[in-house]
């Protein structure tokens, strides 16, 4: 049975709450030279797609940051969130990325 449609007001409220929560998480990621960006969201299905950027591309614990940090926080504080996916922007070379943050790095070669 399909879920009841979400009103425009509820959709806007969910998106506002998601953006506020991501803005709350970002300073912790930025403190190590990275960043957290919301790529896309499906409000009706509860799917959120994020990306770690900057120094996160060379950090050995970026997958843990996504799963144990970002995903856990979003699901705990936003009951409508069912799935969080994401990845790391690997457009920076590892030396530049490692120079941006304090975390350990793992070259991608």
N, C-alpha and C. Protein backbone atom coordinates (compact mmCIF):
# COMPACT_ATOMS: atom_id res chain seq x y z
N UNK A 1 0.83 -1.17 0.00
CA UNK A 1 0.00 0.00 0.00
C UNK A 1 0.88 1.25 0.00
N UNK A 2 0.69 2.17 -0.95
CA UNK A 2 1.52 3.36 -1.02
C UNK A 2 1.28 4.26 0.19
N UNK A 3 2.34 4.98 0.56
CA UNK A 3 2.24 5.91 1.68
C UNK A 3 1.37 7.10 1.30
N UNK A 4 0.80 7.72 2.32
CA UNK A 4 0.01 8.92 2.07
C UNK A 4 0.90 9.99 1.47
N UNK A 5 0.33 10.78 0.56
CA UNK A 5 1.14 11.85 -0.04
C UNK A 5 1.57 12.87 1.03
N UNK A 6 2.73 13.44 0.82
CA UNK A 6 3.26 14.43 1.75
C UNK A 6 2.85 15.81 1.25
N UNK A 7 2.35 16.63 2.15
CA UNK A 7 1.93 17.98 1.77
C UNK A 7 3.16 18.83 1.43
N UNK A 8 2.93 19.90 0.71
CA UNK A 8 4.02 20.80 0.36
C UNK A 8 4.65 21.39 1.62
N UNK A 9 3.83 21.69 2.63
CA UNK A 9 4.35 22.23 3.88
C UNK A 9 5.24 21.21 4.58
N UNK A 10 4.80 19.95 4.63
CA UNK A 10 5.59 18.90 5.26
C UNK A 10 6.89 18.67 4.49
N UNK A 11 6.82 18.69 3.17
CA UNK A 11 8.01 18.52 2.33
C UNK A 11 9.02 19.63 2.62
N UNK A 12 8.54 20.87 2.69
CA UNK A 12 9.41 22.02 2.96
C UNK A 12 10.01 21.91 4.37
N UNK A 13 9.21 21.48 5.34
CA UNK A 13 9.68 21.35 6.71
C UNK A 13 10.76 20.27 6.82
N UNK A 14 10.57 19.15 6.15
CA UNK A 14 11.57 18.08 6.16
C UNK A 14 12.88 18.54 5.53
N UNK A 15 12.79 19.22 4.41
CA UNK A 15 13.99 19.71 3.72
C UNK A 15 14.71 20.75 4.57
N UNK A 16 13.95 21.63 5.22
CA UNK A 16 14.54 22.64 6.09
C UNK A 16 15.28 21.96 7.25
N UNK A 17 14.64 20.99 7.88
CA UNK A 17 15.26 20.27 8.98
C UNK A 17 16.53 19.54 8.56
N UNK A 18 16.51 18.94 7.38
CA UNK A 18 17.68 18.24 6.86
C UNK A 18 18.83 19.21 6.62
N UNK A 19 18.53 20.33 5.99
CA UNK A 19 19.59 21.31 5.72
C UNK A 19 20.16 21.87 7.02
N UNK A 20 19.31 22.13 7.99
CA UNK A 20 19.78 22.64 9.28
C UNK A 20 20.68 21.61 9.97
N UNK A 21 20.32 20.35 9.91
CA UNK A 21 21.11 19.31 10.55
C UNK A 21 22.45 19.14 9.85
N UNK A 22 22.47 19.20 8.54
CA UNK A 22 23.74 19.10 7.81
C UNK A 22 24.62 20.30 8.15
N UNK A 23 24.01 21.49 8.26
CA UNK A 23 24.78 22.67 8.64
C UNK A 23 25.33 22.55 10.06
N UNK A 24 24.65 21.79 10.90
CA UNK A 24 25.13 21.55 12.26
C UNK A 24 26.32 20.59 12.28
N UNK A 25 26.32 19.63 11.37
CA UNK A 25 27.39 18.62 11.28
C UNK A 25 28.63 19.18 10.59
N UNK A 26 28.44 20.04 9.62
CA UNK A 26 29.54 20.51 8.76
C UNK A 26 30.76 21.06 9.50
N UNK A 27 30.59 21.88 10.56
CA UNK A 27 31.80 22.42 11.21
C UNK A 27 32.75 21.35 11.75
N UNK A 28 32.22 20.23 12.19
CA UNK A 28 33.09 19.15 12.68
C UNK A 28 33.92 18.58 11.53
N UNK A 29 33.32 18.45 10.37
CA UNK A 29 34.04 17.94 9.20
C UNK A 29 35.01 19.00 8.68
N UNK A 30 34.57 20.26 8.69
CA UNK A 30 35.42 21.35 8.20
C UNK A 30 36.63 21.58 9.10
N UNK A 31 36.53 21.24 10.38
CA UNK A 31 37.65 21.41 11.30
C UNK A 31 38.86 20.59 10.88
N UNK A 32 38.63 19.52 10.13
CA UNK A 32 39.72 18.68 9.64
C UNK A 32 40.02 18.91 8.17
N UNK A 33 39.53 20.03 7.62
CA UNK A 33 39.85 20.37 6.24
C UNK A 33 38.91 19.78 5.21
N UNK A 34 37.82 19.20 5.65
CA UNK A 34 36.85 18.61 4.72
C UNK A 34 35.58 19.42 4.65
N UNK A 35 34.58 18.84 4.05
CA UNK A 35 33.26 19.46 4.00
C UNK A 35 32.23 18.38 3.73
N UNK A 36 30.99 18.70 4.05
CA UNK A 36 29.87 17.78 3.84
C UNK A 36 28.85 18.51 2.99
N UNK A 37 28.46 17.90 1.88
CA UNK A 37 27.55 18.54 0.93
C UNK A 37 26.35 17.62 0.68
N UNK A 38 25.18 18.20 0.69
CA UNK A 38 23.95 17.48 0.34
C UNK A 38 23.85 17.45 -1.18
N UNK A 39 23.86 16.26 -1.76
CA UNK A 39 23.78 16.13 -3.22
C UNK A 39 22.34 16.01 -3.70
N UNK A 40 21.57 15.15 -3.04
CA UNK A 40 20.17 15.00 -3.43
C UNK A 40 19.38 14.37 -2.30
N UNK A 41 18.08 14.58 -2.35
CA UNK A 41 17.20 14.02 -1.32
C UNK A 41 15.87 13.65 -1.96
N UNK A 42 15.35 12.51 -1.56
CA UNK A 42 14.02 12.08 -1.96
C UNK A 42 13.18 12.09 -0.69
N UNK A 43 12.45 13.17 -0.49
CA UNK A 43 11.68 13.36 0.74
C UNK A 43 10.65 12.24 0.92
N UNK A 44 9.98 11.87 -0.14
CA UNK A 44 8.92 10.86 -0.05
C UNK A 44 9.44 9.49 0.34
N UNK A 45 10.58 9.11 -0.21
CA UNK A 45 11.16 7.79 0.06
C UNK A 45 12.12 7.79 1.25
N UNK A 46 12.50 8.97 1.73
CA UNK A 46 13.41 9.05 2.87
C UNK A 46 14.85 8.76 2.53
N UNK A 47 15.26 9.05 1.29
CA UNK A 47 16.63 8.79 0.86
C UNK A 47 17.42 10.10 0.78
N UNK A 48 18.62 10.07 1.32
CA UNK A 48 19.51 11.23 1.33
C UNK A 48 20.85 10.81 0.76
N UNK A 49 21.41 11.63 -0.12
CA UNK A 49 22.71 11.36 -0.71
C UNK A 49 23.62 12.55 -0.41
N UNK A 50 24.75 12.26 0.25
CA UNK A 50 25.70 13.30 0.63
C UNK A 50 27.08 12.98 0.07
N UNK A 51 27.97 13.97 0.16
CA UNK A 51 29.34 13.76 -0.30
C UNK A 51 30.30 14.45 0.66
N UNK A 52 31.37 13.75 1.00
CA UNK A 52 32.46 14.34 1.76
C UNK A 52 33.46 14.91 0.77
N UNK A 53 33.97 16.10 1.06
CA UNK A 53 34.89 16.76 0.14
C UNK A 53 36.15 17.20 0.86
N UNK A 54 37.08 17.77 0.10
CA UNK A 54 38.31 18.30 0.68
C UNK A 54 39.21 17.21 1.21
N UNK A 55 39.72 17.43 2.43
CA UNK A 55 40.66 16.48 3.04
C UNK A 55 40.05 15.11 3.26
N UNK A 56 38.73 15.02 3.22
CA UNK A 56 38.06 13.73 3.42
C UNK A 56 38.44 12.71 2.36
N UNK A 57 38.85 13.20 1.18
CA UNK A 57 39.17 12.25 0.11
C UNK A 57 40.41 11.45 0.40
N UNK A 58 41.25 11.91 1.33
CA UNK A 58 42.45 11.14 1.66
C UNK A 58 42.41 10.63 3.10
N UNK A 59 41.30 10.81 3.77
CA UNK A 59 41.21 10.41 5.18
C UNK A 59 40.86 8.93 5.30
N UNK A 60 41.57 8.24 6.16
CA UNK A 60 41.37 6.81 6.34
C UNK A 60 40.03 6.47 6.98
N UNK A 61 39.41 7.43 7.65
CA UNK A 61 38.15 7.14 8.34
C UNK A 61 36.94 7.82 7.69
N UNK A 62 37.05 8.21 6.44
CA UNK A 62 35.92 8.89 5.80
C UNK A 62 34.68 8.00 5.71
N UNK A 63 34.85 6.70 5.47
CA UNK A 63 33.70 5.80 5.42
C UNK A 63 33.03 5.71 6.79
N UNK A 64 33.83 5.73 7.84
CA UNK A 64 33.28 5.71 9.20
C UNK A 64 32.55 7.01 9.49
N UNK A 65 33.10 8.12 9.03
CA UNK A 65 32.43 9.41 9.21
C UNK A 65 31.06 9.39 8.56
N UNK A 66 30.97 8.81 7.38
CA UNK A 66 29.67 8.73 6.69
C UNK A 66 28.70 7.82 7.42
N UNK A 67 29.14 6.64 7.80
CA UNK A 67 28.22 5.65 8.38
C UNK A 67 27.96 5.89 9.86
N UNK A 68 29.00 5.97 10.65
CA UNK A 68 28.82 6.09 12.09
C UNK A 68 28.52 7.52 12.52
N UNK A 69 28.83 8.47 11.68
CA UNK A 69 28.58 9.86 12.01
C UNK A 69 27.35 10.40 11.32
N UNK A 70 27.50 10.72 10.05
CA UNK A 70 26.44 11.39 9.30
C UNK A 70 25.17 10.55 9.24
N UNK A 71 25.26 9.31 8.82
CA UNK A 71 24.07 8.46 8.69
C UNK A 71 23.37 8.28 10.04
N UNK A 72 24.13 7.99 11.07
CA UNK A 72 23.55 7.78 12.40
C UNK A 72 22.81 9.03 12.88
N UNK A 73 23.44 10.19 12.75
CA UNK A 73 22.82 11.43 13.21
C UNK A 73 21.56 11.75 12.43
N UNK A 74 21.61 11.62 11.11
CA UNK A 74 20.43 11.93 10.29
C UNK A 74 19.26 11.02 10.63
N UNK A 75 19.54 9.73 10.77
CA UNK A 75 18.46 8.78 11.07
C UNK A 75 17.90 8.97 12.48
N UNK A 76 18.76 9.30 13.44
CA UNK A 76 18.30 9.50 14.81
C UNK A 76 17.44 10.75 14.96
N UNK A 77 17.82 11.81 14.26
CA UNK A 77 17.15 13.10 14.47
C UNK A 77 16.05 13.41 13.46
N UNK A 78 16.04 12.70 12.37
CA UNK A 78 15.01 12.90 11.35
C UNK A 78 14.34 11.55 11.08
N UNK A 79 13.25 11.27 11.76
CA UNK A 79 12.61 9.94 11.68
C UNK A 79 12.19 9.53 10.26
N UNK A 80 12.00 10.48 9.39
CA UNK A 80 11.58 10.16 8.02
C UNK A 80 12.74 9.64 7.16
N UNK A 81 13.99 9.85 7.60
CA UNK A 81 15.15 9.39 6.83
C UNK A 81 15.29 7.88 6.98
N UNK A 82 15.25 7.17 5.87
CA UNK A 82 15.36 5.71 5.85
C UNK A 82 16.71 5.21 5.35
N UNK A 83 17.33 5.99 4.48
CA UNK A 83 18.58 5.54 3.85
C UNK A 83 19.48 6.75 3.60
N UNK A 84 20.75 6.60 3.96
CA UNK A 84 21.74 7.63 3.69
C UNK A 84 22.84 7.00 2.87
N UNK A 85 23.09 7.56 1.71
CA UNK A 85 24.18 7.07 0.87
C UNK A 85 25.13 8.23 0.65
N UNK A 86 26.31 7.90 0.23
CA UNK A 86 27.27 8.96 0.00
C UNK A 86 28.60 8.42 -0.42
N UNK A 87 29.45 9.33 -0.66
CA UNK A 87 30.79 8.97 -1.08
C UNK A 87 31.73 10.11 -0.80
N UNK A 88 32.90 9.99 -1.37
CA UNK A 88 33.94 10.97 -1.16
C UNK A 88 34.32 11.54 -2.51
N UNK A 89 34.42 12.85 -2.56
CA UNK A 89 34.88 13.53 -3.77
C UNK A 89 36.38 13.29 -3.89
N UNK A 90 36.78 12.56 -4.88
CA UNK A 90 38.19 12.22 -5.05
C UNK A 90 38.85 13.05 -6.15
N UNK A 91 38.33 14.24 -6.39
CA UNK A 91 38.88 15.07 -7.46
C UNK A 91 40.21 15.72 -7.07
N UNK A 92 40.52 15.80 -5.76
CA UNK A 92 41.81 16.33 -5.34
C UNK A 92 42.85 15.22 -5.34
N UNK A 93 44.10 15.59 -5.67
CA UNK A 93 45.15 14.60 -5.53
C UNK A 93 45.43 14.40 -4.04
N UNK A 94 45.97 13.25 -3.67
CA UNK A 94 46.09 12.89 -2.27
C UNK A 94 46.99 13.83 -1.48
N UNK A 95 48.02 14.40 -2.11
CA UNK A 95 48.90 15.32 -1.38
C UNK A 95 48.17 16.60 -0.99
N UNK A 96 47.41 17.16 -1.90
CA UNK A 96 46.64 18.36 -1.61
C UNK A 96 45.59 18.07 -0.55
N UNK A 97 44.91 16.96 -0.71
CA UNK A 97 43.88 16.57 0.24
C UNK A 97 44.47 16.36 1.64
N UNK A 98 45.59 15.65 1.73
CA UNK A 98 46.21 15.39 3.02
C UNK A 98 46.70 16.67 3.67
N UNK A 99 47.12 17.63 2.87
CA UNK A 99 47.61 18.89 3.42
C UNK A 99 46.48 19.74 4.01
N UNK A 100 45.24 19.45 3.67
CA UNK A 100 44.11 20.25 4.12
C UNK A 100 43.65 19.89 5.53
N UNK A 101 43.93 18.68 5.96
CA UNK A 101 43.37 18.24 7.23
C UNK A 101 44.39 17.62 8.15
N UNK A 102 43.91 17.25 9.33
CA UNK A 102 44.77 16.67 10.34
C UNK A 102 44.63 15.16 10.41
N UNK A 103 43.62 14.60 9.74
CA UNK A 103 43.39 13.16 9.82
C UNK A 103 44.42 12.38 9.04
N UNK A 104 44.47 11.08 9.29
CA UNK A 104 45.38 10.22 8.55
C UNK A 104 44.90 10.09 7.11
N UNK A 105 45.81 9.95 6.21
CA UNK A 105 45.44 9.82 4.81
C UNK A 105 45.85 8.47 4.27
N UNK A 106 45.13 8.05 3.26
CA UNK A 106 45.47 6.83 2.56
C UNK A 106 45.46 7.13 1.07
N UNK A 107 46.63 7.14 0.45
CA UNK A 107 46.68 7.41 -0.99
C UNK A 107 45.82 6.42 -1.76
N UNK A 108 45.23 6.86 -2.83
CA UNK A 108 44.34 6.00 -3.61
C UNK A 108 45.09 5.16 -4.64
N UNK A 109 46.41 5.15 -4.62
CA UNK A 109 47.17 4.36 -5.57
C UNK A 109 47.64 3.12 -4.99
